[in-house]
C-alpha cells in the first residue's frame, strides 16, 4: 500500500488547497488561486471564480481518492506500474475536468 500512497496524498493535498478557495479566504494575488487576466481584473470575479474552481477541484480530488481506493481494492494483483498508471490517470483526468469546468464557469462571469 505504501507504494500507492501518492494516489491519496496528491488528491488529498489538492483537496486541502481547495478549501480556502471554497471559503473565500484567498484574496486576489499572483501566486495562489484561479489566476487569469479576468479573475485578476475584479475582486467580485476573483472570489466567484475561485469559489467555483475550489468546489470543482475539491470534488475532483474526492472523486480521485474514491477511485484510487476502489482501484486498489478490486485489482490488487496488478503489477505496480500498471496500478500507478491508473492511479495517475484517476487523479489527472478528474482534475483536468475540474479545470475545464472552472474555465467554462469563468466565461459566464
C-alpha atoms as a PDB file:
ATOM      1  CA  UNK A   1       0.000   0.000   0.000  1.00  0.00           C
ATOM      2  CA  UNK A   2       2.925   2.377   0.669  1.00  0.00           C
ATOM      3  CA  UNK A   3       3.834   2.435  -2.995  1.00  0.00           C
ATOM      4  CA  UNK A   4       0.335   3.704  -3.822  1.00  0.00           C
ATOM      5  CA  UNK A   5       0.340   6.433  -1.190  1.00  0.00           C
ATOM      6  CA  UNK A   6       0.739   9.157  -3.844  1.00  0.00           C
ATOM      7  CA  UNK A   7      -2.735   8.236  -5.090  1.00  0.00           C
ATOM      8  CA  UNK A   8      -4.095   9.513  -1.774  1.00  0.00           C
ATOM      9  CA  UNK A   9      -1.563  12.203  -0.908  1.00  0.00           C
ATOM     10  CA  UNK A  10      -1.743  14.178  -4.164  1.00  0.00           C
ATOM     11  CA  UNK A  11      -5.561  14.419  -4.280  1.00  0.00           C
ATOM     12  CA  UNK A  12      -5.546  14.994  -0.509  1.00  0.00           C
ATOM     13  CA  UNK A  13      -3.244  17.994  -0.909  1.00  0.00           C
ATOM     14  CA  UNK A  14      -5.417  19.308  -3.751  1.00  0.00           C
ATOM     15  CA  UNK A  15      -8.479  18.960  -1.512  1.00  0.00           C
ATOM     16  CA  UNK A  16      -6.814  20.843   1.346  1.00  0.00           C
ATOM     17  CA  UNK A  17      -5.630  23.599  -1.023  1.00  0.00           C
ATOM     18  CA  UNK A  18      -9.138  23.970  -2.486  1.00  0.00           C
ATOM     19  CA  UNK A  19     -10.805  24.574   0.910  1.00  0.00           C
ATOM     20  CA  UNK A  20      -9.626  28.202   1.414  1.00  0.00           C
ATOM     21  CA  UNK A  21     -10.763  28.950  -2.153  1.00  0.00           C
ATOM     22  CA  UNK A  22     -14.210  27.498  -1.441  1.00  0.00           C
ATOM     23  CA  UNK A  23     -14.449  29.536   1.761  1.00  0.00           C
ATOM     24  CA  UNK A  24     -13.443  32.768   0.006  1.00  0.00           C
ATOM     25  CA  UNK A  25     -10.293  33.137   2.124  1.00  0.00           C
ATOM     26  CA  UNK A  26      -7.914  33.648  -0.813  1.00  0.00           C
ATOM     27  CA  UNK A  27      -7.780  37.237  -1.969  1.00  0.00           C
ATOM     28  CA  UNK A  28      -6.536  38.303  -5.388  1.00  0.00           C
ATOM     29  CA  UNK A  29      -2.829  37.541  -5.714  1.00  0.00           C
ATOM     30  CA  UNK A  30      -0.282  36.304  -8.229  1.00  0.00           C
ATOM     31  CA  UNK A  31       0.612  33.020  -6.509  1.00  0.00           C
ATOM     32  CA  UNK A  32      -2.384  31.034  -5.243  1.00  0.00           C
ATOM     33  CA  UNK A  33      -5.836  30.573  -6.717  1.00  0.00           C
ATOM     34  CA  UNK A  34      -7.529  30.548 -10.102  1.00  0.00           C
ATOM     35  CA  UNK A  35      -5.456  33.274 -11.700  1.00  0.00           C
ATOM     36  CA  UNK A  36      -6.343  34.626 -15.111  1.00  0.00           C
ATOM     37  CA  UNK A  37      -6.424  38.105 -16.559  1.00  0.00           C
ATOM     38  CA  UNK A  38     -10.185  38.142 -15.998  1.00  0.00           C
ATOM     39  CA  UNK A  39     -10.104  36.929 -12.382  1.00  0.00           C
ATOM     40  CA  UNK A  40      -7.395  39.447 -11.511  1.00  0.00           C
ATOM     41  CA  UNK A  41      -9.435  42.258 -13.076  1.00  0.00           C
ATOM     42  CA  UNK A  42     -12.044  42.442 -10.316  1.00  0.00           C
ATOM     43  CA  UNK A  43     -12.434  41.209  -6.747  1.00  0.00           C
ATOM     44  CA  UNK A  44     -16.013  40.113  -7.463  1.00  0.00           C
ATOM     45  CA  UNK A  45     -14.894  37.963 -10.394  1.00  0.00           C
ATOM     46  CA  UNK A  46     -11.917  36.683  -8.391  1.00  0.00           C
ATOM     47  CA  UNK A  47     -13.966  35.447  -5.438  1.00  0.00           C
ATOM     48  CA  UNK A  48     -16.739  33.964  -7.553  1.00  0.00           C
ATOM     49  CA  UNK A  49     -14.384  32.174  -9.941  1.00  0.00           C
ATOM     50  CA  UNK A  50     -12.109  30.956  -7.140  1.00  0.00           C
ATOM     51  CA  UNK A  51     -15.023  29.644  -5.104  1.00  0.00           C
ATOM     52  CA  UNK A  52     -16.267  27.689  -8.136  1.00  0.00           C
ATOM     53  CA  UNK A  53     -12.771  26.469  -9.041  1.00  0.00           C
ATOM     54  CA  UNK A  54     -12.279  25.369  -5.434  1.00  0.00           C
ATOM     55  CA  UNK A  55     -15.501  23.364  -5.500  1.00  0.00           C
ATOM     56  CA  UNK A  56     -14.619  21.780  -8.838  1.00  0.00           C
ATOM     57  CA  UNK A  57     -11.074  20.820  -7.837  1.00  0.00           C
ATOM     58  CA  UNK A  58     -12.148  19.702  -4.377  1.00  0.00           C
ATOM     59  CA  UNK A  59     -14.861  17.472  -5.813  1.00  0.00           C
ATOM     60  CA  UNK A  60     -12.390  16.082  -8.346  1.00  0.00           C
ATOM     61  CA  UNK A  61      -9.949  15.323  -5.518  1.00  0.00           C
ATOM     62  CA  UNK A  62     -12.602  13.425  -3.564  1.00  0.00           C
ATOM     63  CA  UNK A  63     -13.526  11.524  -6.730  1.00  0.00           C
ATOM     64  CA  UNK A  64      -9.840  10.681  -7.271  1.00  0.00           C
ATOM     65  CA  UNK A  65      -9.421   9.393  -3.727  1.00  0.00           C
ATOM     66  CA  UNK A  66     -12.519   7.200  -4.058  1.00  0.00           C
ATOM     67  CA  UNK A  67     -11.444   5.938  -7.486  1.00  0.00           C
ATOM     68  CA  UNK A  68      -7.923   5.108  -6.312  1.00  0.00           C
ATOM     69  CA  UNK A  69      -9.107   3.314  -3.178  1.00  0.00           C
ATOM     70  CA  UNK A  70     -11.570   1.256  -5.196  1.00  0.00           C
ATOM     71  CA  UNK A  71      -8.937   0.512  -7.848  1.00  0.00           C
ATOM     72  CA  UNK A  72      -6.560  -0.885  -5.238  1.00  0.00           C
ATOM     73  CA  UNK A  73      -9.369  -2.943  -3.744  1.00  0.00           C
ATOM     74  CA  UNK A  74     -10.550  -4.589  -6.959  1.00  0.00           C
ATOM     75  CA  UNK A  75      -7.218  -5.213  -8.724  1.00  0.00           C
ATOM     76  CA  UNK A  76      -4.543  -5.711  -6.069  1.00  0.00           C
ATOM     77  CA  UNK A  77      -2.837  -8.341  -8.220  1.00  0.00           C
ATOM     78  CA  UNK A  78      -1.981  -5.875 -10.999  1.00  0.00           C
ATOM     79  CA  UNK A  79       1.714  -5.069 -11.423  1.00  0.00           C
ATOM     80  CA  UNK A  80       2.715  -1.889  -9.541  1.00  0.00           C
ATOM     81  CA  UNK A  81       3.482   0.069 -12.733  1.00  0.00           C
ATOM     82  CA  UNK A  82       0.022  -0.646 -14.122  1.00  0.00           C
ATOM     83  CA  UNK A  83      -1.696   0.366 -10.885  1.00  0.00           C
ATOM     84  CA  UNK A  84       0.434   3.521 -10.761  1.00  0.00           C
ATOM     85  CA  UNK A  85      -0.572   4.461 -14.320  1.00  0.00           C
ATOM     86  CA  UNK A  86      -4.253   4.050 -13.448  1.00  0.00           C
ATOM     87  CA  UNK A  87      -3.753   5.954 -10.192  1.00  0.00           C
ATOM     88  CA  UNK A  88      -2.157   8.859 -12.043  1.00  0.00           C
ATOM     89  CA  UNK A  89      -4.975   8.822 -14.576  1.00  0.00           C
ATOM     90  CA  UNK A  90      -7.514   8.592 -11.770  1.00  0.00           C
ATOM     91  CA  UNK A  91      -6.070  11.794 -10.387  1.00  0.00           C
ATOM     92  CA  UNK A  92      -5.277  13.775 -13.538  1.00  0.00           C
ATOM     93  CA  UNK A  93      -8.472  13.139 -15.514  1.00  0.00           C
ATOM     94  CA  UNK A  94     -10.861  14.486 -12.846  1.00  0.00           C
ATOM     95  CA  UNK A  95      -8.560  17.464 -12.227  1.00  0.00           C
ATOM     96  CA  UNK A  96      -8.457  18.263 -15.947  1.00  0.00           C
ATOM     97  CA  UNK A  97     -12.258  18.145 -15.989  1.00  0.00           C
ATOM     98  CA  UNK A  98     -12.326  20.462 -12.961  1.00  0.00           C
ATOM     99  CA  UNK A  99     -10.062  22.982 -14.682  1.00  0.00           C
ATOM    100  CA  UNK A 100     -12.253  22.855 -17.795  1.00  0.00           C
ATOM    101  CA  UNK A 101     -15.363  23.381 -15.657  1.00  0.00           C
ATOM    102  CA  UNK A 102     -13.690  26.358 -13.939  1.00  0.00           C
ATOM    103  CA  UNK A 103     -12.895  27.987 -17.289  1.00  0.00           C
ATOM    104  CA  UNK A 104     -16.423  27.368 -18.536  1.00  0.00           C
ATOM    105  CA  UNK A 105     -17.774  28.950 -15.355  1.00  0.00           C
ATOM    106  CA  UNK A 106     -15.413  31.904 -15.787  1.00  0.00           C
ATOM    107  CA  UNK A 107     -16.765  32.505 -19.297  1.00  0.00           C
ATOM    108  CA  UNK A 108     -20.217  33.106 -17.776  1.00  0.00           C
ATOM    109  CA  UNK A 109     -18.963  35.835 -15.442  1.00  0.00           C
END
